[in-house]
Structure formats: C-alpha cells, structure tokens
Amino acid sequence: MLRLNYPLPSDESKVTVLQLATAVNRDEYAYRQLFLLFYKPALLFVSNILHSEELAEEIYSDVLLKIWQMESRLQQVSNYKQYLFTALRNASFNELKKQKKFQIIALEENATDHLPVTSPEETLLNGEFSSKIKSAIAALPLQCQLVYRLIKEEGFNYKQTADIMDLSVNTIERHMNNALKKIVVALKPYLSV
C-alpha cells in the first residue's frame, strides 16, 4: 500500500488527491486525513439535524465506513465534499425517520468574534445580538434552516445545495429568500438603520 510521502496541495485539490489515494491505493493514511478534514463541519451539520452529537459521530463514522467500502468506485465521485454532505444528509434523515424527530439544534455561532470589544456594555450587547441571530436561525423551518446553513455556513453554492437537498435551484432560492426575510424581521427591533 502506498503512503502519501509528498506535500499535499490545498483545498479541493488536496481532497481530490486524498480521495484518489484512498480509492486507488487503499491508502489508510489518506482515508484518515479525509476523515479528519471534514470531521468538525460534518459533525456540526449532522448534529444540527439530529440534535445529538453522539448520533452525529455515529452517522459520520458509518458514512465514512461506507465510503471506504466503495473501494475503486470512490474515484468516480466528482465532488467529494458534495457527495459526503449528501450522504450525511440522507443518513441523518433516515435516522430522523426512525426516531420521528424533526427538530434541529442551532449551531454555536459567535457572530461577534471579529468585532473589537472595548467595554463590558458592548460585550453584553454583542452577546445579546449574537443570541438573537442564533434564535432567528433556529426558529426557521427545517428546510429553510438547512438551506441557510449549507450556503452561509458551509459555503456551498445554490446548485450544490440543490443537489445535496435533492431540490431544484429555484426551490433553494425560495428557501434562502424566505430564510433571509425571516431573519431580518426577527432582528429588525435590534437594528438601528
């Protein structure tokens, strides 16, 4: 079995190199790197659907095991990240069907990390506003919330989100517009524009 002994390029090309090393060479090191590379975003994504970090870890491990078992078929996957998140979404929804749970937990966001804070009053206000943002996102309907999170937090474009959610691009646009409108309405009392 070949081991990656060369520097890896960044981002998508790194993922492709790791994906091919896993598929063609059955490189366990490359597989572990893929596992670790997507671990945190995948757990956040799944735990927001399932409302459980333990179940999220289990789903992620199961999906990654299935990816390992694909063997050489893995090299046919053109966009690993999209494939992974689609598989995670499907596995999560299957778990929800088993449990008949359809609630989602809000991601721990800290929208104010990048803002300089100069006083305790500002810290309190920023914390309250961040809390209002989290609440507004958590109050969205499930589909709107998933679309919002995939686009705004995971960085997928509308087409990729449509593929992951198995919806049309127009439906994704509608969900995103609805999500943004509802967030703005929820935050309107706190905005001084």
C-alpha atoms as a PDB file:
ATOM      1  CA  MET A   1       0.000   0.000   0.000  1.00  0.00           C
ATOM      2  CA  LEU A   2       1.391   3.398  -0.995  1.00  0.00           C
ATOM      3  CA  ARG A   3       1.656   6.120   1.574  1.00  0.00           C
ATOM      4  CA  LEU A   4       1.472   9.822   0.832  1.00  0.00           C
ATOM      5  CA  ASN A   5       5.082  10.966   1.022  1.00  0.00           C
ATOM      6  CA  TYR A   6       4.660  14.223  -0.844  1.00  0.00           C
ATOM      7  CA  PRO A   7       3.266  17.611   0.095  1.00  0.00           C
ATOM      8  CA  LEU A   8      -0.430  17.987  -0.454  1.00  0.00           C
ATOM      9  CA  PRO A   9      -1.928  20.937  -2.299  1.00  0.00           C
ATOM     10  CA  SER A  10      -4.668  22.845  -0.528  1.00  0.00           C
ATOM     11  CA  ASP A  11      -8.459  22.808  -0.610  1.00  0.00           C
ATOM     12  CA  GLU A  12     -10.253  20.914  -3.383  1.00  0.00           C
ATOM     13  CA  SER A  13      -7.104  19.550  -4.988  1.00  0.00           C
ATOM     14  CA  LYS A  14      -5.987  18.198  -1.594  1.00  0.00           C
ATOM     15  CA  VAL A  15      -9.338  16.475  -1.207  1.00  0.00           C
ATOM     16  CA  THR A  16      -9.034  15.009  -4.709  1.00  0.00           C
ATOM     17  CA  VAL A  17      -5.520  13.685  -4.009  1.00  0.00           C
ATOM     18  CA  LEU A  18      -6.685  12.116  -0.743  1.00  0.00           C
ATOM     19  CA  GLN A  19      -9.811  10.726  -2.407  1.00  0.00           C
ATOM     20  CA  LEU A  20      -7.814   9.084  -5.214  1.00  0.00           C
ATOM     21  CA  ALA A  21      -5.174   7.730  -2.822  1.00  0.00           C
ATOM     22  CA  THR A  22      -7.977   6.201  -0.766  1.00  0.00           C
ATOM     23  CA  ALA A  23      -9.809   4.778  -3.791  1.00  0.00           C
ATOM     24  CA  VAL A  24      -6.942   3.546  -5.944  1.00  0.00           C
ATOM     25  CA  ASN A  25      -4.188   2.745  -3.443  1.00  0.00           C
ATOM     26  CA  ARG A  26      -6.450   1.901  -0.477  1.00  0.00           C
ATOM     27  CA  ASP A  27      -4.215   4.292   1.470  1.00  0.00           C
ATOM     28  CA  GLU A  28      -5.366   4.257   5.095  1.00  0.00           C
ATOM     29  CA  TYR A  29      -3.377   7.397   5.890  1.00  0.00           C
ATOM     30  CA  ALA A  30      -5.200   9.310   3.116  1.00  0.00           C
ATOM     31  CA  TYR A  31      -8.513   7.927   4.376  1.00  0.00           C
ATOM     32  CA  ARG A  32      -7.749   9.137   7.917  1.00  0.00           C
ATOM     33  CA  GLN A  33      -6.840  12.558   6.527  1.00  0.00           C
ATOM     34  CA  LEU A  34     -10.199  12.739   4.703  1.00  0.00           C
ATOM     35  CA  PHE A  35     -11.918  11.683   7.912  1.00  0.00           C
ATOM     36  CA  LEU A  36     -10.192  14.414   9.936  1.00  0.00           C
ATOM     37  CA  LEU A  37     -10.519  17.094   7.254  1.00  0.00           C
ATOM     38  CA  PHE A  38     -14.330  17.007   7.293  1.00  0.00           C
ATOM     39  CA  TYR A  39     -14.841  15.859  10.890  1.00  0.00           C
ATOM     40  CA  LYS A  40     -15.862  19.156  12.517  1.00  0.00           C
ATOM     41  CA  PRO A  41     -18.061  20.594   9.727  1.00  0.00           C
ATOM     42  CA  ALA A  42     -19.727  17.215   9.219  1.00  0.00           C
ATOM     43  CA  LEU A  43     -20.489  16.822  12.923  1.00  0.00           C
ATOM     44  CA  LEU A  44     -21.940  20.331  13.086  1.00  0.00           C
ATOM     45  CA  PHE A  45     -24.079  19.634  10.027  1.00  0.00           C
ATOM     46  CA  VAL A  46     -25.382  16.275  11.276  1.00  0.00           C
ATOM     47  CA  SER A  47     -25.826  17.352  14.901  1.00  0.00           C
ATOM     48  CA  ASN A  48     -27.994  20.235  13.721  1.00  0.00           C
ATOM     49  CA  ILE A  49     -30.278  17.758  12.022  1.00  0.00           C
ATOM     50  CA  LEU A  50     -30.279  15.066  14.707  1.00  0.00           C
ATOM     51  CA  HIS A  51     -29.997  17.211  17.832  1.00  0.00           C
ATOM     52  CA  SER A  52     -27.326  14.845  19.158  1.00  0.00           C
ATOM     53  CA  GLU A  53     -23.543  14.970  18.991  1.00  0.00           C
ATOM     54  CA  GLU A  54     -23.308  11.247  19.774  1.00  0.00           C
ATOM     55  CA  LEU A  55     -25.608  10.337  16.899  1.00  0.00           C
ATOM     56  CA  ALA A  56     -23.722  12.760  14.654  1.00  0.00           C
ATOM     57  CA  GLU A  57     -20.454  10.962  15.386  1.00  0.00           C
ATOM     58  CA  GLU A  58     -22.099   7.609  14.733  1.00  0.00           C
ATOM     59  CA  ILE A  59     -23.620   8.779  11.431  1.00  0.00           C
ATOM     60  CA  TYR A  60     -20.311  10.321  10.327  1.00  0.00           C
ATOM     61  CA  SER A  61     -18.407   7.128  11.143  1.00  0.00           C
ATOM     62  CA  ASP A  62     -20.982   4.985   9.326  1.00  0.00           C
ATOM     63  CA  VAL A  63     -20.918   7.179   6.221  1.00  0.00           C
ATOM     64  CA  LEU A  64     -17.107   7.244   6.160  1.00  0.00           C
ATOM     65  CA  LEU A  65     -17.017   3.458   6.535  1.00  0.00           C
ATOM     66  CA  LYS A  66     -19.347   3.144   3.535  1.00  0.00           C
ATOM     67  CA  ILE A  67     -17.064   5.499   1.607  1.00  0.00           C
ATOM     68  CA  TRP A  68     -14.066   3.285   2.464  1.00  0.00           C
ATOM     69  CA  GLN A  69     -16.030   0.230   1.327  1.00  0.00           C
ATOM     70  CA  MET A  70     -16.674   1.861  -2.057  1.00  0.00           C
ATOM     71  CA  GLU A  71     -13.062   0.988  -2.918  1.00  0.00           C
ATOM     72  CA  SER A  72     -12.234   1.960  -6.523  1.00  0.00           C
ATOM     73  CA  ARG A  73     -15.745   3.330  -7.142  1.00  0.00           C
ATOM     74  CA  LEU A  74     -14.770   6.284  -4.943  1.00  0.00           C
ATOM     75  CA  GLN A  75     -12.622   7.654  -7.761  1.00  0.00           C
ATOM     76  CA  GLN A  76     -15.789   8.168  -9.830  1.00  0.00           C
ATOM     77  CA  VAL A  77     -17.111  10.735  -7.329  1.00  0.00           C
ATOM     78  CA  SER A  78     -16.545  14.120  -8.983  1.00  0.00           C
ATOM     79  CA  ASN A  79     -17.109  16.315  -5.904  1.00  0.00           C
ATOM     80  CA  TYR A  80     -16.187  14.542  -2.677  1.00  0.00           C
ATOM     81  CA  LYS A  81     -17.431  17.275  -0.320  1.00  0.00           C
ATOM     82  CA  GLN A  82     -20.827  17.418  -2.014  1.00  0.00           C
ATOM     83  CA  TYR A  83     -21.047  13.618  -2.084  1.00  0.00           C
ATOM     84  CA  LEU A  84     -20.145  13.418   1.610  1.00  0.00           C
ATOM     85  CA  PHE A  85     -22.686  16.022   2.733  1.00  0.00           C
ATOM     86  CA  THR A  86     -25.402  14.422   0.586  1.00  0.00           C
ATOM     87  CA  ALA A  87     -24.678  11.047   2.179  1.00  0.00           C
ATOM     88  CA  LEU A  88     -24.674  12.646   5.636  1.00  0.00           C
ATOM     89  CA  ARG A  89     -27.979  14.372   4.957  1.00  0.00           C
ATOM     90  CA  ASN A  90     -29.577  11.136   3.728  1.00  0.00           C
ATOM     91  CA  ALA A  91     -28.278   9.118   6.678  1.00  0.00           C
ATOM     92  CA  SER A  92     -29.452  11.827   9.084  1.00  0.00           C
ATOM     93  CA  PHE A  93     -32.932  11.946   7.588  1.00  0.00           C
ATOM     94  CA  ASN A  94     -33.133   8.147   7.731  1.00  0.00           C
ATOM     95  CA  GLU A  95     -32.243   8.349  11.422  1.00  0.00           C
ATOM     96  CA  LEU A  96     -34.911  11.015  11.933  1.00  0.00           C
ATOM     97  CA  LYS A  97     -37.484   8.777  10.319  1.00  0.00           C
ATOM     98  CA  LYS A  98     -36.541   6.036  12.755  1.00  0.00           C
ATOM     99  CA  GLN A  99     -36.846   8.338  15.734  1.00  0.00           C
ATOM    100  CA  LYS A 100     -39.640  10.501  14.333  1.00  0.00           C
ATOM    101  CA  LYS A 101     -37.795  13.614  15.434  1.00  0.00           C
ATOM    102  CA  PHE A 102     -37.870  16.685  13.255  1.00  0.00           C
ATOM    103  CA  GLN A 103     -36.267  19.299  15.456  1.00  0.00           C
ATOM    104  CA  ILE A 104     -32.969  20.913  14.728  1.00  0.00           C
ATOM    105  CA  ILE A 105     -30.496  22.399  17.174  1.00  0.00           C
ATOM    106  CA  ALA A 106     -28.828  25.729  16.470  1.00  0.00           C
ATOM    107  CA  LEU A 107     -25.135  25.810  15.657  1.00  0.00           C
ATOM    108  CA  GLU A 108     -22.983  27.510  18.208  1.00  0.00           C
ATOM    109  CA  GLU A 109     -22.183  30.656  16.324  1.00  0.00           C
ATOM    110  CA  ASN A 110     -20.236  33.565  17.517  1.00  0.00           C
ATOM    111  CA  ALA A 111     -21.046  36.311  15.069  1.00  0.00           C
ATOM    112  CA  THR A 112     -19.124  38.851  17.092  1.00  0.00           C
ATOM    113  CA  ASP A 113     -15.676  37.203  17.208  1.00  0.00           C
ATOM    114  CA  HIS A 114     -14.332  39.598  14.614  1.00  0.00           C
ATOM    115  CA  LEU A 115     -15.622  42.739  16.323  1.00  0.00           C
ATOM    116  CA  PRO A 116     -13.326  44.616  18.685  1.00  0.00           C
ATOM    117  CA  VAL A 117     -14.944  44.922  22.108  1.00  0.00           C
ATOM    118  CA  THR A 118     -13.960  47.870  24.227  1.00  0.00           C
ATOM    119  CA  SER A 119     -16.344  47.791  27.156  1.00  0.00           C
ATOM    120  CA  PRO A 120     -18.424  45.367  29.224  1.00  0.00           C
ATOM    121  CA  GLU A 121     -21.581  47.051  27.899  1.00  0.00           C
ATOM    122  CA  GLU A 122     -20.526  46.349  24.311  1.00  0.00           C
ATOM    123  CA  THR A 123     -19.687  42.769  25.242  1.00  0.00           C
ATOM    124  CA  LEU A 124     -23.164  42.344  26.703  1.00  0.00           C
ATOM    125  CA  LEU A 125     -24.865  43.943  23.686  1.00  0.00           C
ATOM    126  CA  ASN A 126     -22.827  41.883  21.212  1.00  0.00           C
ATOM    127  CA  GLY A 127     -23.627  38.710  23.142  1.00  0.00           C
ATOM    128  CA  GLU A 128     -27.331  39.550  23.160  1.00  0.00           C
ATOM    129  CA  PHE A 129     -27.314  40.304  19.424  1.00  0.00           C
ATOM    130  CA  SER A 130     -25.437  37.089  18.692  1.00  0.00           C
ATOM    131  CA  SER A 131     -28.028  35.247  20.748  1.00  0.00           C
ATOM    132  CA  LYS A 132     -30.841  36.897  18.748  1.00  0.00           C
ATOM    133  CA  ILE A 133     -29.178  35.823  15.486  1.00  0.00           C
ATOM    134  CA  LYS A 134     -28.897  32.231  16.736  1.00  0.00           C
ATOM    135  CA  SER A 135     -32.536  32.287  17.830  1.00  0.00           C
ATOM    136  CA  ALA A 136     -33.690  33.685  14.487  1.00  0.00           C
ATOM    137  CA  ILE A 137     -31.840  30.949  12.604  1.00  0.00           C
ATOM    138  CA  ALA A 138     -33.075  28.231  14.969  1.00  0.00           C
ATOM    139  CA  ALA A 139     -36.675  29.435  14.505  1.00  0.00           C
ATOM    140  CA  LEU A 140     -36.553  28.890  10.740  1.00  0.00           C
ATOM    141  CA  PRO A 141     -38.444  25.926   9.277  1.00  0.00           C
ATOM    142  CA  LEU A 142     -36.206  22.858   8.843  1.00  0.00           C
ATOM    143  CA  GLN A 143     -35.737  23.166   5.059  1.00  0.00           C
ATOM    144  CA  CYS A 144     -35.033  26.922   5.230  1.00  0.00           C
ATOM    145  CA  GLN A 145     -32.598  26.373   8.067  1.00  0.00           C
ATOM    146  CA  LEU A 146     -30.706  23.611   6.254  1.00  0.00           C
ATOM    147  CA  VAL A 147     -30.503  25.693   3.073  1.00  0.00           C
ATOM    148  CA  TYR A 148     -29.287  28.718   5.041  1.00  0.00           C
ATOM    149  CA  ARG A 149     -26.637  26.694   6.873  1.00  0.00           C
ATOM    150  CA  LEU A 150     -25.366  24.909   3.758  1.00  0.00           C
ATOM    151  CA  ILE A 151     -24.979  28.182   1.860  1.00  0.00           C
ATOM    152  CA  LYS A 152     -23.950  30.646   4.562  1.00  0.00           C
ATOM    153  CA  GLU A 153     -22.058  28.398   6.969  1.00  0.00           C
ATOM    154  CA  GLU A 154     -20.740  25.519   4.862  1.00  0.00           C
ATOM    155  CA  GLY A 155     -20.002  27.605   1.752  1.00  0.00           C
ATOM    156  CA  PHE A 156     -21.940  25.586  -0.810  1.00  0.00           C
ATOM    157  CA  ASN A 157     -23.404  27.431  -3.784  1.00  0.00           C
ATOM    158  CA  TYR A 158     -27.085  27.222  -4.749  1.00  0.00           C
ATOM    159  CA  LYS A 159     -26.552  24.419  -7.299  1.00  0.00           C
ATOM    160  CA  GLN A 160     -24.541  22.283  -4.874  1.00  0.00           C
ATOM    161  CA  THR A 161     -27.124  22.877  -2.156  1.00  0.00           C
ATOM    162  CA  ALA A 162     -29.881  21.862  -4.578  1.00  0.00           C
ATOM    163  CA  ASP A 163     -28.019  18.629  -5.334  1.00  0.00           C
ATOM    164  CA  ILE A 164     -27.406  17.883  -1.649  1.00  0.00           C
ATOM    165  CA  MET A 165     -31.012  18.604  -0.681  1.00  0.00           C
ATOM    166  CA  ASP A 166     -32.402  16.903  -3.801  1.00  0.00           C
ATOM    167  CA  LEU A 167     -34.374  20.043  -4.665  1.00  0.00           C
ATOM    168  CA  SER A 168     -34.424  22.422  -7.624  1.00  0.00           C
ATOM    169  CA  VAL A 169     -32.249  25.537  -7.666  1.00  0.00           C
ATOM    170  CA  ASN A 170     -35.454  27.642  -7.725  1.00  0.00           C
ATOM    171  CA  THR A 171     -36.664  25.938  -4.558  1.00  0.00           C
ATOM    172  CA  ILE A 172     -33.288  26.589  -2.912  1.00  0.00           C
ATOM    173  CA  GLU A 173     -33.518  30.263  -3.907  1.00  0.00           C
ATOM    174  CA  ARG A 174     -37.033  30.462  -2.471  1.00  0.00           C
ATOM    175  CA  HIS A 175     -35.959  28.830   0.820  1.00  0.00           C
ATOM    176  CA  MET A 176     -32.956  31.159   1.058  1.00  0.00           C
ATOM    177  CA  ASN A 177     -35.079  34.253   0.377  1.00  0.00           C
ATOM    178  CA  ASN A 178     -37.616  33.134   2.983  1.00  0.00           C
ATOM    179  CA  ALA A 179     -34.836  32.457   5.499  1.00  0.00           C
ATOM    180  CA  LEU A 180     -33.252  35.873   4.975  1.00  0.00           C
ATOM    181  CA  LYS A 181     -36.608  37.668   5.204  1.00  0.00           C
ATOM    182  CA  LYS A 182     -37.491  35.882   8.452  1.00  0.00           C
ATOM    183  CA  ILE A 183     -34.072  36.602   9.952  1.00  0.00           C
ATOM    184  CA  VAL A 184     -34.336  40.304   9.031  1.00  0.00           C
ATOM    185  CA  VAL A 185     -37.847  40.519  10.515  1.00  0.00           C
ATOM    186  CA  ALA A 186     -36.660  38.825  13.715  1.00  0.00           C
ATOM    187  CA  LEU A 187     -33.677  41.177  14.009  1.00  0.00           C
ATOM    188  CA  LYS A 188     -35.447  44.385  12.943  1.00  0.00           C
ATOM    189  CA  PRO A 189     -36.052  45.612  16.518  1.00  0.00           C
ATOM    190  CA  TYR A 190     -32.313  45.315  17.202  1.00  0.00           C
ATOM    191  CA  LEU A 191     -31.078  47.068  14.069  1.00  0.00           C
ATOM    192  CA  SER A 192     -30.657  50.826  14.021  1.00  0.00           C
ATOM    193  CA  VAL A 193     -30.676  51.662  10.333  1.00  0.00           C
END
